[in-house]
Amino acid sequence: MLTGSVLTFLVFLAIVFVVAMSGAVFKPGPWYDTLNKPSWTPPDWAFPTVWTVLYLFIAIAGWRVYEEAGLVAVPFAIYAAQLLANAAWSAIFFGMKRADLAFADVVLLWFLVAANIFAFLPIDLWAGLLLVPYLAWVTAAACLNYSVWQRNPQAFPGKAV
C-alpha cells in the first residue's frame, strides 16, 4: 500500500509527465532538421536527456513544497502557469511553426520559472534550488529559439524581426 507522501509524489510525476507529452506529440522532425541552427546548438540526444532530468526535478520541487506547506495558492499558481507555458512551447514552435510566438512563450516561461524559484525558496530551500537548472536550460532554449527564428526567415515567413 502506498503512503500519502509516495502517492502525492506520484501525482506530481503524473502532472509533469502530461506536460512532457507535449514534446512527444510535437516533435522536431524533418522540418527542424533543415533549419539553420547556431554552432552551439546541443546535440539531438541532449534534449530528451536534459528534459527528463529537469521534469524529475520539477516534480520533486512541487512535491517537496506540497509536503511542507500544502497547496499554497500563490506558489502553486505560478507552478501551474510555468507548466502550462512549458507545455505550450513545443506545440507553438514545432506544431504551429511559429518561432515568434514560441519566443514570446519561452520568455514568459523564463519569468515564471524565476518567480517559481522565489516562491518556493522560503517554503523549501531544496525545492527552489531544484528549479535553478530548469531556469538555466530555459535561458539556453530562449537563446536558441531566437537564433533559429532569426537565421531562418524562409521557414517563418513574415514573422522575423
N, C-alpha and C. Protein backbone atom coordinates (compact mmCIF):
# COMPACT_ATOMS: atom_id res chain seq x y z
N MET A 1 0.85 -1.19 0.00
CA MET A 1 0.00 0.00 0.00
C MET A 1 0.89 1.25 0.00
N LEU A 2 0.50 2.23 -0.80
CA LEU A 2 1.27 3.45 -0.91
C LEU A 2 0.94 4.41 0.23
N THR A 3 1.98 5.03 0.77
CA THR A 3 1.76 6.05 1.79
C THR A 3 1.28 7.33 1.11
N GLY A 4 0.73 8.24 1.90
CA GLY A 4 0.25 9.51 1.34
C GLY A 4 1.34 10.28 0.65
N SER A 5 2.54 10.29 1.21
CA SER A 5 3.65 11.03 0.63
C SER A 5 4.07 10.45 -0.72
N VAL A 6 4.13 9.13 -0.80
CA VAL A 6 4.50 8.48 -2.07
C VAL A 6 3.42 8.71 -3.11
N LEU A 7 2.18 8.60 -2.70
CA LEU A 7 1.08 8.84 -3.63
C LEU A 7 1.11 10.28 -4.15
N THR A 8 1.36 11.22 -3.26
CA THR A 8 1.47 12.63 -3.65
C THR A 8 2.61 12.82 -4.65
N PHE A 9 3.74 12.18 -4.39
CA PHE A 9 4.86 12.28 -5.32
C PHE A 9 4.47 11.73 -6.69
N LEU A 10 3.75 10.61 -6.71
CA LEU A 10 3.32 10.03 -7.98
C LEU A 10 2.35 10.95 -8.73
N VAL A 11 1.53 11.69 -7.98
CA VAL A 11 0.64 12.67 -8.61
C VAL A 11 1.46 13.78 -9.28
N PHE A 12 2.48 14.27 -8.58
CA PHE A 12 3.34 15.30 -9.18
C PHE A 12 4.07 14.76 -10.41
N LEU A 13 4.53 13.52 -10.34
CA LEU A 13 5.17 12.90 -11.51
C LEU A 13 4.19 12.81 -12.68
N ALA A 14 2.96 12.43 -12.39
CA ALA A 14 1.95 12.30 -13.44
C ALA A 14 1.65 13.65 -14.09
N ILE A 15 1.53 14.68 -13.27
CA ILE A 15 1.26 16.03 -13.80
C ILE A 15 2.39 16.46 -14.73
N VAL A 16 3.61 16.28 -14.27
CA VAL A 16 4.77 16.68 -15.08
C VAL A 16 4.88 15.81 -16.33
N PHE A 17 4.52 14.55 -16.22
CA PHE A 17 4.54 13.65 -17.38
C PHE A 17 3.57 14.16 -18.46
N VAL A 18 2.40 14.62 -18.05
CA VAL A 18 1.43 15.16 -19.00
C VAL A 18 2.03 16.37 -19.72
N VAL A 19 2.70 17.23 -18.97
CA VAL A 19 3.36 18.40 -19.57
C VAL A 19 4.43 17.94 -20.57
N ALA A 20 5.21 16.95 -20.17
CA ALA A 20 6.29 16.45 -21.03
C ALA A 20 5.75 15.84 -22.33
N MET A 21 4.53 15.36 -22.31
CA MET A 21 3.96 14.74 -23.50
C MET A 21 3.84 15.71 -24.67
N SER A 22 3.79 17.00 -24.38
CA SER A 22 3.75 17.98 -25.46
C SER A 22 4.97 17.82 -26.36
N GLY A 23 6.13 17.59 -25.74
CA GLY A 23 7.35 17.38 -26.51
C GLY A 23 7.34 16.07 -27.29
N ALA A 24 6.58 15.09 -26.81
CA ALA A 24 6.48 13.82 -27.52
C ALA A 24 5.47 13.91 -28.67
N VAL A 25 4.45 14.72 -28.50
CA VAL A 25 3.43 14.89 -29.55
C VAL A 25 3.95 15.81 -30.65
N PHE A 26 4.55 16.92 -30.25
CA PHE A 26 5.06 17.91 -31.21
C PHE A 26 6.57 17.79 -31.27
N LYS A 27 7.05 16.92 -32.15
CA LYS A 27 8.48 16.62 -32.26
C LYS A 27 9.14 17.50 -33.32
N PRO A 28 10.45 17.66 -33.21
CA PRO A 28 11.17 18.47 -34.20
C PRO A 28 10.98 17.97 -35.63
N GLY A 29 11.31 16.74 -35.90
CA GLY A 29 11.11 16.16 -37.21
C GLY A 29 11.97 16.73 -38.31
N PRO A 30 11.68 16.33 -39.55
CA PRO A 30 12.48 16.72 -40.71
C PRO A 30 12.50 18.24 -40.95
N TRP A 31 11.39 18.91 -40.68
CA TRP A 31 11.34 20.36 -40.87
C TRP A 31 12.42 21.04 -40.03
N TYR A 32 12.53 20.67 -38.76
CA TYR A 32 13.50 21.27 -37.86
C TYR A 32 14.92 20.93 -38.31
N ASP A 33 15.12 19.72 -38.81
CA ASP A 33 16.44 19.29 -39.25
C ASP A 33 16.99 20.18 -40.37
N THR A 34 16.10 20.76 -41.17
CA THR A 34 16.54 21.59 -42.30
C THR A 34 16.88 23.02 -41.90
N LEU A 35 16.53 23.41 -40.68
CA LEU A 35 16.75 24.80 -40.27
C LEU A 35 18.23 25.07 -39.97
N ASN A 36 18.63 26.30 -40.23
CA ASN A 36 19.97 26.76 -39.90
C ASN A 36 20.01 27.04 -38.40
N LYS A 37 20.89 26.32 -37.70
CA LYS A 37 20.99 26.46 -36.25
C LYS A 37 22.41 26.90 -35.89
N PRO A 38 22.55 27.59 -34.76
CA PRO A 38 23.89 28.04 -34.37
C PRO A 38 24.79 26.86 -34.00
N SER A 39 26.08 27.08 -34.06
CA SER A 39 27.05 26.01 -33.78
C SER A 39 26.95 25.49 -32.35
N TRP A 40 26.41 26.30 -31.45
CA TRP A 40 26.32 25.91 -30.05
C TRP A 40 25.02 25.15 -29.74
N THR A 41 24.26 24.81 -30.76
CA THR A 41 23.05 24.02 -30.56
C THR A 41 23.41 22.68 -29.93
N PRO A 42 22.76 22.30 -28.84
CA PRO A 42 23.06 21.00 -28.24
C PRO A 42 22.74 19.86 -29.21
N PRO A 43 23.42 18.74 -29.09
CA PRO A 43 23.11 17.60 -29.95
C PRO A 43 21.69 17.09 -29.69
N ASP A 44 21.10 16.45 -30.67
CA ASP A 44 19.71 15.99 -30.55
C ASP A 44 19.46 15.14 -29.30
N TRP A 45 20.40 14.28 -28.96
CA TRP A 45 20.20 13.39 -27.81
C TRP A 45 20.13 14.16 -26.49
N ALA A 46 20.68 15.38 -26.44
CA ALA A 46 20.71 16.14 -25.19
C ALA A 46 19.32 16.60 -24.76
N PHE A 47 18.46 16.90 -25.72
CA PHE A 47 17.16 17.46 -25.37
C PHE A 47 16.32 16.49 -24.53
N PRO A 48 16.06 15.27 -24.98
CA PRO A 48 15.26 14.37 -24.12
C PRO A 48 15.98 14.00 -22.83
N THR A 49 17.29 13.91 -22.88
CA THR A 49 18.06 13.56 -21.68
C THR A 49 17.94 14.66 -20.63
N VAL A 50 18.21 15.88 -21.03
CA VAL A 50 18.14 17.00 -20.09
C VAL A 50 16.71 17.21 -19.61
N TRP A 51 15.74 17.17 -20.52
CA TRP A 51 14.36 17.39 -20.11
C TRP A 51 13.88 16.31 -19.15
N THR A 52 14.31 15.09 -19.31
CA THR A 52 13.91 14.03 -18.37
C THR A 52 14.36 14.38 -16.96
N VAL A 53 15.61 14.79 -16.82
CA VAL A 53 16.14 15.17 -15.51
C VAL A 53 15.40 16.40 -14.98
N LEU A 54 15.20 17.41 -15.84
CA LEU A 54 14.53 18.63 -15.41
C LEU A 54 13.09 18.36 -14.97
N TYR A 55 12.38 17.53 -15.73
CA TYR A 55 11.00 17.21 -15.34
C TYR A 55 10.96 16.46 -14.01
N LEU A 56 11.92 15.61 -13.77
CA LEU A 56 12.00 14.95 -12.47
C LEU A 56 12.24 15.98 -11.36
N PHE A 57 13.15 16.92 -11.59
CA PHE A 57 13.41 17.98 -10.61
C PHE A 57 12.16 18.83 -10.37
N ILE A 58 11.42 19.15 -11.45
CA ILE A 58 10.21 19.96 -11.32
C ILE A 58 9.18 19.22 -10.47
N ALA A 59 9.02 17.93 -10.70
CA ALA A 59 8.08 17.13 -9.91
C ALA A 59 8.51 17.07 -8.45
N ILE A 60 9.79 16.83 -8.21
CA ILE A 60 10.29 16.75 -6.83
C ILE A 60 10.10 18.09 -6.13
N ALA A 61 10.38 19.19 -6.83
CA ALA A 61 10.24 20.52 -6.22
C ALA A 61 8.79 20.77 -5.81
N GLY A 62 7.86 20.50 -6.70
CA GLY A 62 6.45 20.69 -6.37
C GLY A 62 6.02 19.81 -5.21
N TRP A 63 6.45 18.56 -5.25
CA TRP A 63 6.11 17.62 -4.19
C TRP A 63 6.66 18.07 -2.84
N ARG A 64 7.91 18.53 -2.82
CA ARG A 64 8.52 18.97 -1.56
C ARG A 64 7.75 20.15 -0.96
N VAL A 65 7.37 21.11 -1.80
CA VAL A 65 6.64 22.26 -1.29
C VAL A 65 5.26 21.82 -0.80
N TYR A 66 4.62 20.95 -1.54
CA TYR A 66 3.31 20.45 -1.11
C TYR A 66 3.42 19.73 0.23
N GLU A 67 4.43 18.90 0.37
CA GLU A 67 4.62 18.16 1.62
C GLU A 67 4.91 19.10 2.79
N GLU A 68 5.60 20.19 2.51
CA GLU A 68 5.98 21.14 3.56
C GLU A 68 4.83 22.07 3.94
N ALA A 69 4.10 22.56 2.94
CA ALA A 69 3.14 23.63 3.21
C ALA A 69 1.73 23.39 2.67
N GLY A 70 1.52 22.29 1.98
CA GLY A 70 0.22 22.06 1.38
C GLY A 70 0.09 22.82 0.07
N LEU A 71 -1.11 22.92 -0.40
CA LEU A 71 -1.38 23.55 -1.69
C LEU A 71 -1.45 25.07 -1.50
N VAL A 72 -0.28 25.69 -1.36
CA VAL A 72 -0.18 27.14 -1.13
C VAL A 72 -0.55 27.84 -2.45
N ALA A 73 -1.52 28.76 -2.37
CA ALA A 73 -2.12 29.34 -3.57
C ALA A 73 -1.12 29.99 -4.52
N VAL A 74 -0.37 30.96 -4.07
CA VAL A 74 0.49 31.72 -4.98
C VAL A 74 1.62 30.85 -5.56
N PRO A 75 2.39 30.14 -4.72
CA PRO A 75 3.45 29.31 -5.32
C PRO A 75 2.92 28.27 -6.31
N PHE A 76 1.77 27.68 -6.02
CA PHE A 76 1.26 26.66 -6.94
C PHE A 76 0.54 27.25 -8.14
N ALA A 77 0.05 28.48 -8.03
CA ALA A 77 -0.48 29.16 -9.22
C ALA A 77 0.66 29.43 -10.19
N ILE A 78 1.80 29.87 -9.66
CA ILE A 78 2.98 30.10 -10.51
C ILE A 78 3.47 28.77 -11.08
N TYR A 79 3.51 27.74 -10.25
CA TYR A 79 3.94 26.40 -10.68
C TYR A 79 3.07 25.92 -11.85
N ALA A 80 1.75 26.06 -11.70
CA ALA A 80 0.84 25.64 -12.76
C ALA A 80 1.05 26.47 -14.03
N ALA A 81 1.23 27.78 -13.87
CA ALA A 81 1.43 28.66 -15.04
C ALA A 81 2.70 28.31 -15.78
N GLN A 82 3.79 28.02 -15.05
CA GLN A 82 5.04 27.68 -15.77
C GLN A 82 4.90 26.33 -16.45
N LEU A 83 4.15 25.40 -15.86
CA LEU A 83 3.93 24.11 -16.53
C LEU A 83 3.12 24.29 -17.82
N LEU A 84 2.11 25.15 -17.78
CA LEU A 84 1.32 25.42 -18.99
C LEU A 84 2.16 26.08 -20.07
N ALA A 85 2.96 27.07 -19.69
CA ALA A 85 3.84 27.73 -20.67
C ALA A 85 4.85 26.74 -21.23
N ASN A 86 5.35 25.86 -20.39
CA ASN A 86 6.28 24.82 -20.82
C ASN A 86 5.62 23.92 -21.86
N ALA A 87 4.43 23.43 -21.55
CA ALA A 87 3.72 22.52 -22.46
C ALA A 87 3.39 23.21 -23.78
N ALA A 88 3.11 24.50 -23.73
CA ALA A 88 2.70 25.23 -24.94
C ALA A 88 3.85 25.40 -25.93
N TRP A 89 5.09 25.46 -25.46
CA TRP A 89 6.19 25.81 -26.35
C TRP A 89 6.32 24.85 -27.53
N SER A 90 6.34 23.56 -27.28
CA SER A 90 6.50 22.59 -28.38
C SER A 90 5.37 22.68 -29.39
N ALA A 91 4.16 22.87 -28.88
CA ALA A 91 3.01 23.00 -29.78
C ALA A 91 3.14 24.25 -30.65
N ILE A 92 3.63 25.31 -30.06
CA ILE A 92 3.76 26.57 -30.81
C ILE A 92 4.92 26.50 -31.81
N PHE A 93 6.09 26.06 -31.35
CA PHE A 93 7.26 26.06 -32.22
C PHE A 93 7.19 24.95 -33.27
N PHE A 94 7.02 23.71 -32.83
CA PHE A 94 7.04 22.59 -33.75
C PHE A 94 5.69 22.33 -34.41
N GLY A 95 4.61 22.52 -33.67
CA GLY A 95 3.28 22.26 -34.22
C GLY A 95 2.82 23.37 -35.15
N MET A 96 2.84 24.60 -34.66
CA MET A 96 2.39 25.74 -35.46
C MET A 96 3.50 26.33 -36.33
N LYS A 97 4.75 25.96 -36.04
CA LYS A 97 5.91 26.51 -36.73
C LYS A 97 5.93 28.04 -36.62
N ARG A 98 5.70 28.50 -35.39
CA ARG A 98 5.68 29.93 -35.10
C ARG A 98 6.77 30.24 -34.10
N ALA A 99 7.96 30.47 -34.60
CA ALA A 99 9.10 30.78 -33.73
C ALA A 99 8.90 32.09 -32.99
N ASP A 100 8.18 33.04 -33.59
CA ASP A 100 7.93 34.31 -32.93
C ASP A 100 7.07 34.13 -31.68
N LEU A 101 5.97 33.41 -31.81
CA LEU A 101 5.11 33.15 -30.66
C LEU A 101 5.79 32.23 -29.65
N ALA A 102 6.57 31.29 -30.15
CA ALA A 102 7.31 30.39 -29.25
C ALA A 102 8.34 31.19 -28.45
N PHE A 103 8.96 32.18 -29.07
CA PHE A 103 9.91 33.01 -28.34
C PHE A 103 9.20 33.80 -27.24
N ALA A 104 8.04 34.36 -27.55
CA ALA A 104 7.26 35.07 -26.52
C ALA A 104 6.91 34.10 -25.39
N ASP A 105 6.55 32.89 -25.74
CA ASP A 105 6.21 31.88 -24.74
C ASP A 105 7.41 31.53 -23.87
N VAL A 106 8.57 31.34 -24.47
CA VAL A 106 9.74 30.93 -23.69
C VAL A 106 10.24 32.08 -22.80
N VAL A 107 10.05 33.32 -23.23
CA VAL A 107 10.39 34.46 -22.38
C VAL A 107 9.43 34.49 -21.17
N LEU A 108 8.15 34.29 -21.44
CA LEU A 108 7.18 34.20 -20.34
C LEU A 108 7.55 33.04 -19.41
N LEU A 109 7.91 31.90 -19.99
CA LEU A 109 8.31 30.74 -19.20
C LEU A 109 9.50 31.09 -18.31
N TRP A 110 10.47 31.80 -18.84
CA TRP A 110 11.65 32.18 -18.06
C TRP A 110 11.24 32.97 -16.81
N PHE A 111 10.37 33.97 -17.01
CA PHE A 111 9.92 34.77 -15.87
C PHE A 111 9.11 33.94 -14.87
N LEU A 112 8.31 33.03 -15.38
CA LEU A 112 7.51 32.18 -14.50
C LEU A 112 8.39 31.22 -13.70
N VAL A 113 9.41 30.65 -14.33
CA VAL A 113 10.32 29.76 -13.60
C VAL A 113 11.08 30.55 -12.53
N ALA A 114 11.56 31.73 -12.89
CA ALA A 114 12.26 32.57 -11.90
C ALA A 114 11.33 32.91 -10.74
N ALA A 115 10.10 33.28 -11.05
CA ALA A 115 9.12 33.57 -9.99
C ALA A 115 8.84 32.34 -9.15
N ASN A 116 8.77 31.17 -9.81
CA ASN A 116 8.53 29.92 -9.09
C ASN A 116 9.67 29.61 -8.12
N ILE A 117 10.89 29.86 -8.56
CA ILE A 117 12.04 29.66 -7.67
C ILE A 117 11.88 30.53 -6.42
N PHE A 118 11.60 31.81 -6.62
CA PHE A 118 11.48 32.73 -5.48
C PHE A 118 10.25 32.44 -4.61
N ALA A 119 9.21 31.86 -5.20
CA ALA A 119 8.04 31.48 -4.41
C ALA A 119 8.30 30.21 -3.60
N PHE A 120 9.12 29.30 -4.13
CA PHE A 120 9.40 28.04 -3.44
C PHE A 120 10.51 28.17 -2.38
N LEU A 121 11.49 29.03 -2.63
CA LEU A 121 12.65 29.12 -1.73
C LEU A 121 12.29 29.32 -0.25
N PRO A 122 11.37 30.23 0.09
CA PRO A 122 11.08 30.42 1.51
C PRO A 122 10.37 29.22 2.15
N ILE A 123 9.72 28.42 1.33
CA ILE A 123 8.99 27.26 1.85
C ILE A 123 9.92 26.06 1.99
N ASP A 124 10.73 25.82 0.96
CA ASP A 124 11.66 24.70 0.97
C ASP A 124 12.86 25.07 0.09
N LEU A 125 13.99 25.27 0.72
CA LEU A 125 15.20 25.70 0.02
C LEU A 125 15.52 24.76 -1.14
N TRP A 126 15.50 23.46 -0.90
CA TRP A 126 15.86 22.50 -1.95
C TRP A 126 14.88 22.53 -3.12
N ALA A 127 13.61 22.75 -2.83
CA ALA A 127 12.63 22.85 -3.92
C ALA A 127 12.96 24.01 -4.83
N GLY A 128 13.29 25.16 -4.25
CA GLY A 128 13.68 26.30 -5.07
C GLY A 128 14.94 26.04 -5.85
N LEU A 129 15.93 25.44 -5.19
CA LEU A 129 17.21 25.16 -5.87
C LEU A 129 17.06 24.12 -6.98
N LEU A 130 16.13 23.19 -6.83
CA LEU A 130 15.91 22.19 -7.87
C LEU A 130 15.42 22.82 -9.18
N LEU A 131 14.86 24.02 -9.10
CA LEU A 131 14.37 24.69 -10.31
C LEU A 131 15.43 25.55 -10.99
N VAL A 132 16.58 25.75 -10.35
CA VAL A 132 17.63 26.57 -10.95
C VAL A 132 18.18 25.97 -12.26
N PRO A 133 18.45 24.67 -12.33
CA PRO A 133 18.90 24.12 -13.63
C PRO A 133 17.84 24.28 -14.72
N TYR A 134 16.59 24.21 -14.35
CA TYR A 134 15.47 24.43 -15.27
C TYR A 134 15.56 25.85 -15.84
N LEU A 135 15.79 26.83 -14.97
CA LEU A 135 15.91 28.21 -15.43
C LEU A 135 17.11 28.37 -16.37
N ALA A 136 18.21 27.71 -16.05
CA ALA A 136 19.39 27.77 -16.91
C ALA A 136 19.08 27.18 -18.29
N TRP A 137 18.39 26.05 -18.32
CA TRP A 137 18.07 25.40 -19.59
C TRP A 137 17.08 26.24 -20.39
N VAL A 138 16.11 26.84 -19.72
CA VAL A 138 15.15 27.71 -20.40
C VAL A 138 15.85 28.94 -20.97
N THR A 139 16.87 29.42 -20.28
CA THR A 139 17.67 30.54 -20.79
C THR A 139 18.33 30.14 -22.11
N ALA A 140 18.96 28.98 -22.12
CA ALA A 140 19.59 28.47 -23.34
C ALA A 140 18.55 28.24 -24.43
N ALA A 141 17.40 27.69 -24.05
CA ALA A 141 16.34 27.42 -25.02
C ALA A 141 15.82 28.72 -25.64
N ALA A 142 15.70 29.76 -24.83
CA ALA A 142 15.25 31.05 -25.35
C ALA A 142 16.25 31.61 -26.36
N CYS A 143 17.52 31.51 -26.04
CA CYS A 143 18.57 31.97 -26.96
C CYS A 143 18.55 31.17 -28.25
N LEU A 144 18.37 29.86 -28.14
CA LEU A 144 18.32 29.01 -29.33
C LEU A 144 17.07 29.31 -30.15
N ASN A 145 15.93 29.45 -29.51
CA ASN A 145 14.69 29.79 -30.19
C ASN A 145 14.87 31.09 -31.00
N TYR A 146 15.42 32.11 -30.34
CA TYR A 146 15.61 33.39 -31.01
C TYR A 146 16.58 33.27 -32.19
N SER A 147 17.68 32.56 -31.98
CA SER A 147 18.67 32.41 -33.03
C SER A 147 18.09 31.67 -34.24
N VAL A 148 17.38 30.60 -33.99
CA VAL A 148 16.78 29.82 -35.09
C VAL A 148 15.76 30.68 -35.83
N TRP A 149 14.97 31.40 -35.10
CA TRP A 149 13.96 32.29 -35.69
C TRP A 149 14.62 33.31 -36.61
N GLN A 150 15.71 33.94 -36.16
CA GLN A 150 16.36 34.98 -36.93
C GLN A 150 17.16 34.43 -38.11
N ARG A 151 17.70 33.22 -37.98
CA ARG A 151 18.51 32.61 -39.04
C ARG A 151 17.68 32.02 -40.17
N ASN A 152 16.38 31.87 -39.96
CA ASN A 152 15.55 31.13 -40.91
C ASN A 152 14.29 31.88 -41.29
N PRO A 153 14.43 33.08 -41.86
CA PRO A 153 13.22 33.83 -42.23
C PRO A 153 12.36 33.07 -43.24
N GLN A 154 12.98 32.22 -44.07
CA GLN A 154 12.22 31.45 -45.06
C GLN A 154 11.33 30.41 -44.40
N ALA A 155 11.68 29.95 -43.21
CA ALA A 155 10.89 28.95 -42.51
C ALA A 155 9.75 29.56 -41.71
N PHE A 156 9.86 30.86 -41.47
CA PHE A 156 8.86 31.59 -40.69
C PHE A 156 8.49 32.85 -41.45
N PRO A 157 7.87 32.71 -42.63
CA PRO A 157 7.60 33.88 -43.49
C PRO A 157 6.81 34.98 -42.78
N GLY A 158 7.32 36.19 -42.93
CA GLY A 158 6.64 37.36 -42.39
C GLY A 158 6.65 37.47 -40.89
N LYS A 159 7.46 36.66 -40.23
CA LYS A 159 7.42 36.64 -38.77
C LYS A 159 8.75 36.99 -38.12
N ALA A 160 9.78 37.26 -38.90
CA ALA A 160 11.08 37.62 -38.33
C ALA A 160 11.13 39.11 -38.05
N VAL A 161 11.99 39.49 -37.11
CA VAL A 161 12.14 40.92 -36.82
C VAL A 161 13.41 41.44 -37.45
